[in-house]
Amino acid sequence: DALANALANFALARNWDQYHSPKNLVMALTGEVGELSEIFQWLSEDSSKFVASNPDTAAAVREELADVTLYLVRRWKLEFLK
């Protein structure tokens, strides 16, 4: 709830609620999942298990996972906690 409320306040302060319809949030989420997928796209199965061993790759995965999480939380808050 704390994260969802922080995201709601962040969006409200920027007048972004007008853009945060379920459709738009799902589209944004899809884009972020695509960016996460790009990191893994051409890795072998074994290499994909060790992305955290490379600091640059690990940071990129963390950033994309954070983006995915934020859109999921924002969507969930809009749809189910009205």
N, C-alpha and C. Protein backbone atom coordinates (compact mmCIF):
# COMPACT_ATOMS: atom_id res chain seq x y z
N ASP A 1 0.81 -1.20 0.00
CA ASP A 1 0.00 0.00 0.00
C ASP A 1 0.85 1.27 0.00
N ALA A 2 1.97 1.22 0.73
CA ALA A 2 2.83 2.41 0.79
C ALA A 2 3.38 2.75 -0.59
N LEU A 3 3.82 1.73 -1.32
CA LEU A 3 4.34 1.98 -2.66
C LEU A 3 3.23 2.47 -3.59
N ALA A 4 2.07 1.84 -3.52
CA ALA A 4 0.94 2.26 -4.35
C ALA A 4 0.55 3.70 -4.05
N ASN A 5 0.53 4.06 -2.79
CA ASN A 5 0.19 5.43 -2.41
C ASN A 5 1.25 6.42 -2.87
N ALA A 6 2.51 6.05 -2.75
CA ALA A 6 3.60 6.92 -3.21
C ALA A 6 3.50 7.14 -4.72
N LEU A 7 3.20 6.08 -5.46
CA LEU A 7 3.04 6.21 -6.91
C LEU A 7 1.84 7.07 -7.26
N ALA A 8 0.75 6.89 -6.53
CA ALA A 8 -0.44 7.70 -6.78
C ALA A 8 -0.15 9.18 -6.53
N ASN A 9 0.56 9.47 -5.46
CA ASN A 9 0.91 10.86 -5.15
C ASN A 9 1.87 11.44 -6.19
N PHE A 10 2.81 10.62 -6.63
CA PHE A 10 3.76 11.04 -7.65
C PHE A 10 3.02 11.42 -8.94
N ALA A 11 2.09 10.55 -9.35
CA ALA A 11 1.31 10.81 -10.57
C ALA A 11 0.41 12.02 -10.39
N LEU A 12 -0.21 12.14 -9.24
CA LEU A 12 -1.11 13.25 -8.97
C LEU A 12 -0.37 14.59 -9.03
N ALA A 13 0.82 14.65 -8.45
CA ALA A 13 1.61 15.88 -8.43
C ALA A 13 2.00 16.33 -9.83
N ARG A 14 2.05 15.38 -10.77
CA ARG A 14 2.45 15.69 -12.14
C ARG A 14 1.27 15.73 -13.10
N ASN A 15 0.06 15.58 -12.55
CA ASN A 15 -1.16 15.56 -13.36
C ASN A 15 -1.12 14.42 -14.39
N TRP A 16 -0.59 13.27 -13.99
CA TRP A 16 -0.48 12.13 -14.89
C TRP A 16 -1.68 11.20 -14.82
N ASP A 17 -2.56 11.39 -13.86
CA ASP A 17 -3.71 10.49 -13.75
C ASP A 17 -4.51 10.44 -15.04
N GLN A 18 -4.53 11.54 -15.77
CA GLN A 18 -5.27 11.56 -17.03
C GLN A 18 -4.71 10.56 -18.04
N TYR A 19 -3.46 10.16 -17.87
CA TYR A 19 -2.82 9.22 -18.79
C TYR A 19 -2.77 7.80 -18.24
N HIS A 20 -3.09 7.64 -16.98
CA HIS A 20 -2.93 6.34 -16.33
C HIS A 20 -4.20 5.50 -16.35
N SER A 21 -4.77 5.39 -17.53
CA SER A 21 -5.91 4.49 -17.70
C SER A 21 -5.39 3.06 -17.68
N PRO A 22 -6.24 2.11 -17.41
CA PRO A 22 -5.78 0.72 -17.46
C PRO A 22 -5.12 0.37 -18.79
N LYS A 23 -5.70 0.81 -19.90
CA LYS A 23 -5.12 0.53 -21.22
C LYS A 23 -3.71 1.10 -21.34
N ASN A 24 -3.53 2.34 -20.96
CA ASN A 24 -2.21 2.97 -21.09
C ASN A 24 -1.18 2.33 -20.17
N LEU A 25 -1.60 1.98 -18.97
CA LEU A 25 -0.66 1.35 -18.05
C LEU A 25 -0.26 -0.04 -18.53
N VAL A 26 -1.19 -0.78 -19.10
CA VAL A 26 -0.85 -2.10 -19.64
C VAL A 26 0.08 -1.95 -20.83
N MET A 27 -0.15 -0.95 -21.66
CA MET A 27 0.75 -0.73 -22.80
C MET A 27 2.15 -0.36 -22.32
N ALA A 28 2.24 0.48 -21.30
CA ALA A 28 3.54 0.85 -20.75
C ALA A 28 4.21 -0.36 -20.11
N LEU A 29 3.43 -1.16 -19.41
CA LEU A 29 3.96 -2.38 -18.79
C LEU A 29 4.53 -3.32 -19.86
N THR A 30 3.80 -3.45 -20.95
CA THR A 30 4.25 -4.31 -22.04
C THR A 30 5.59 -3.82 -22.59
N GLY A 31 5.74 -2.52 -22.73
CA GLY A 31 7.01 -1.96 -23.19
C GLY A 31 8.15 -2.27 -22.24
N GLU A 32 7.89 -2.15 -20.95
CA GLU A 32 8.94 -2.42 -19.96
C GLU A 32 9.30 -3.90 -19.93
N VAL A 33 8.32 -4.77 -20.07
CA VAL A 33 8.61 -6.21 -20.13
C VAL A 33 9.44 -6.50 -21.38
N GLY A 34 9.14 -5.80 -22.47
CA GLY A 34 9.94 -5.94 -23.69
C GLY A 34 11.39 -5.54 -23.46
N GLU A 35 11.60 -4.45 -22.73
CA GLU A 35 12.97 -4.01 -22.43
C GLU A 35 13.69 -5.03 -21.56
N LEU A 36 12.99 -5.62 -20.62
CA LEU A 36 13.58 -6.68 -19.80
C LEU A 36 13.91 -7.90 -20.66
N SER A 37 13.02 -8.24 -21.57
CA SER A 37 13.24 -9.38 -22.46
C SER A 37 14.47 -9.18 -23.35
N GLU A 38 14.68 -7.95 -23.78
CA GLU A 38 15.85 -7.66 -24.63
C GLU A 38 17.15 -8.05 -23.97
N ILE A 39 17.24 -7.86 -22.67
CA ILE A 39 18.47 -8.18 -21.95
C ILE A 39 18.78 -9.67 -22.07
N PHE A 40 17.74 -10.49 -22.05
CA PHE A 40 17.91 -11.94 -22.06
C PHE A 40 17.81 -12.56 -23.46
N GLN A 41 17.38 -11.80 -24.43
CA GLN A 41 16.99 -12.34 -25.73
C GLN A 41 18.01 -13.29 -26.36
N TRP A 42 19.25 -12.91 -26.41
CA TRP A 42 20.23 -13.72 -27.12
C TRP A 42 21.17 -14.47 -26.19
N LEU A 43 20.85 -14.51 -24.91
CA LEU A 43 21.66 -15.29 -23.98
C LEU A 43 21.28 -16.76 -24.06
N SER A 44 22.25 -17.61 -23.80
CA SER A 44 21.94 -19.03 -23.69
C SER A 44 21.20 -19.26 -22.37
N GLU A 45 20.62 -20.43 -22.23
CA GLU A 45 19.94 -20.77 -20.97
C GLU A 45 20.92 -20.63 -19.81
N ASP A 46 22.11 -21.17 -19.97
CA ASP A 46 23.10 -21.10 -18.88
C ASP A 46 23.52 -19.67 -18.60
N SER A 47 23.78 -18.89 -19.63
CA SER A 47 24.20 -17.50 -19.43
C SER A 47 23.11 -16.68 -18.74
N SER A 48 21.87 -16.98 -19.06
CA SER A 48 20.78 -16.20 -18.46
C SER A 48 20.71 -16.38 -16.96
N LYS A 49 21.23 -17.48 -16.48
CA LYS A 49 21.20 -17.75 -15.03
C LYS A 49 22.25 -16.94 -14.27
N PHE A 50 23.17 -16.34 -15.01
CA PHE A 50 24.29 -15.64 -14.36
C PHE A 50 24.36 -14.16 -14.72
N VAL A 51 23.23 -13.57 -15.10
CA VAL A 51 23.25 -12.15 -15.46
C VAL A 51 23.68 -11.28 -14.28
N ALA A 52 23.44 -11.72 -13.08
CA ALA A 52 23.80 -10.93 -11.91
C ALA A 52 25.31 -10.89 -11.68
N SER A 53 26.05 -11.76 -12.33
CA SER A 53 27.51 -11.76 -12.13
C SER A 53 28.19 -10.62 -12.88
N ASN A 54 27.50 -10.02 -13.84
CA ASN A 54 28.02 -8.86 -14.55
C ASN A 54 27.33 -7.63 -13.99
N PRO A 55 28.09 -6.72 -13.37
CA PRO A 55 27.46 -5.56 -12.73
C PRO A 55 26.58 -4.72 -13.66
N ASP A 56 27.00 -4.55 -14.91
CA ASP A 56 26.20 -3.75 -15.84
C ASP A 56 24.88 -4.44 -16.18
N THR A 57 24.95 -5.72 -16.45
CA THR A 57 23.74 -6.47 -16.77
C THR A 57 22.83 -6.57 -15.55
N ALA A 58 23.42 -6.80 -14.40
CA ALA A 58 22.62 -6.89 -13.18
C ALA A 58 21.89 -5.59 -12.92
N ALA A 59 22.56 -4.47 -13.12
CA ALA A 59 21.93 -3.16 -12.92
C ALA A 59 20.78 -2.96 -13.91
N ALA A 60 21.00 -3.35 -15.16
CA ALA A 60 19.96 -3.19 -16.18
C ALA A 60 18.74 -4.04 -15.83
N VAL A 61 18.95 -5.27 -15.38
CA VAL A 61 17.83 -6.13 -15.00
C VAL A 61 17.08 -5.53 -13.82
N ARG A 62 17.82 -5.04 -12.82
CA ARG A 62 17.16 -4.42 -11.65
C ARG A 62 16.32 -3.23 -12.07
N GLU A 63 16.85 -2.40 -12.96
CA GLU A 63 16.11 -1.21 -13.41
C GLU A 63 14.83 -1.60 -14.14
N GLU A 64 14.91 -2.58 -15.02
CA GLU A 64 13.72 -3.00 -15.76
C GLU A 64 12.71 -3.69 -14.84
N LEU A 65 13.19 -4.50 -13.91
CA LEU A 65 12.28 -5.13 -12.96
C LEU A 65 11.57 -4.08 -12.10
N ALA A 66 12.29 -3.02 -11.75
CA ALA A 66 11.68 -1.94 -10.98
C ALA A 66 10.58 -1.26 -11.79
N ASP A 67 10.86 -1.00 -13.06
CA ASP A 67 9.84 -0.38 -13.93
C ASP A 67 8.61 -1.27 -14.05
N VAL A 68 8.83 -2.56 -14.27
CA VAL A 68 7.71 -3.50 -14.38
C VAL A 68 6.90 -3.50 -13.08
N THR A 69 7.59 -3.54 -11.96
CA THR A 69 6.92 -3.55 -10.65
C THR A 69 6.08 -2.29 -10.46
N LEU A 70 6.64 -1.15 -10.81
CA LEU A 70 5.91 0.09 -10.63
C LEU A 70 4.62 0.13 -11.45
N TYR A 71 4.70 -0.31 -12.71
CA TYR A 71 3.49 -0.32 -13.53
C TYR A 71 2.47 -1.34 -13.02
N LEU A 72 2.95 -2.48 -12.55
CA LEU A 72 2.02 -3.47 -11.99
C LEU A 72 1.31 -2.93 -10.76
N VAL A 73 2.07 -2.29 -9.88
CA VAL A 73 1.48 -1.74 -8.66
C VAL A 73 0.51 -0.62 -9.00
N ARG A 74 0.89 0.22 -9.92
CA ARG A 74 0.02 1.34 -10.31
C ARG A 74 -1.27 0.83 -10.94
N ARG A 75 -1.18 -0.16 -11.79
CA ARG A 75 -2.36 -0.74 -12.44
C ARG A 75 -3.25 -1.41 -11.40
N TRP A 76 -2.65 -2.17 -10.53
CA TRP A 76 -3.40 -2.88 -9.49
C TRP A 76 -4.14 -1.88 -8.62
N LYS A 77 -3.49 -0.83 -8.24
CA LYS A 77 -4.11 0.19 -7.38
C LYS A 77 -5.31 0.83 -8.09
N LEU A 78 -5.16 1.16 -9.36
CA LEU A 78 -6.26 1.79 -10.09
C LEU A 78 -7.44 0.88 -10.26
N GLU A 79 -7.18 -0.38 -10.53
CA GLU A 79 -8.26 -1.29 -10.86
C GLU A 79 -8.97 -1.88 -9.65
N PHE A 80 -8.25 -2.20 -8.62
CA PHE A 80 -8.82 -3.02 -7.57
C PHE A 80 -8.97 -2.33 -6.21
N LEU A 81 -8.40 -1.16 -6.09
CA LEU A 81 -8.48 -0.47 -4.79
C LEU A 81 -9.19 0.86 -4.90
N LYS A 82 -10.08 0.98 -5.84
CA LYS A 82 -10.81 2.24 -6.01
C LYS A 82 -11.69 2.50 -4.82
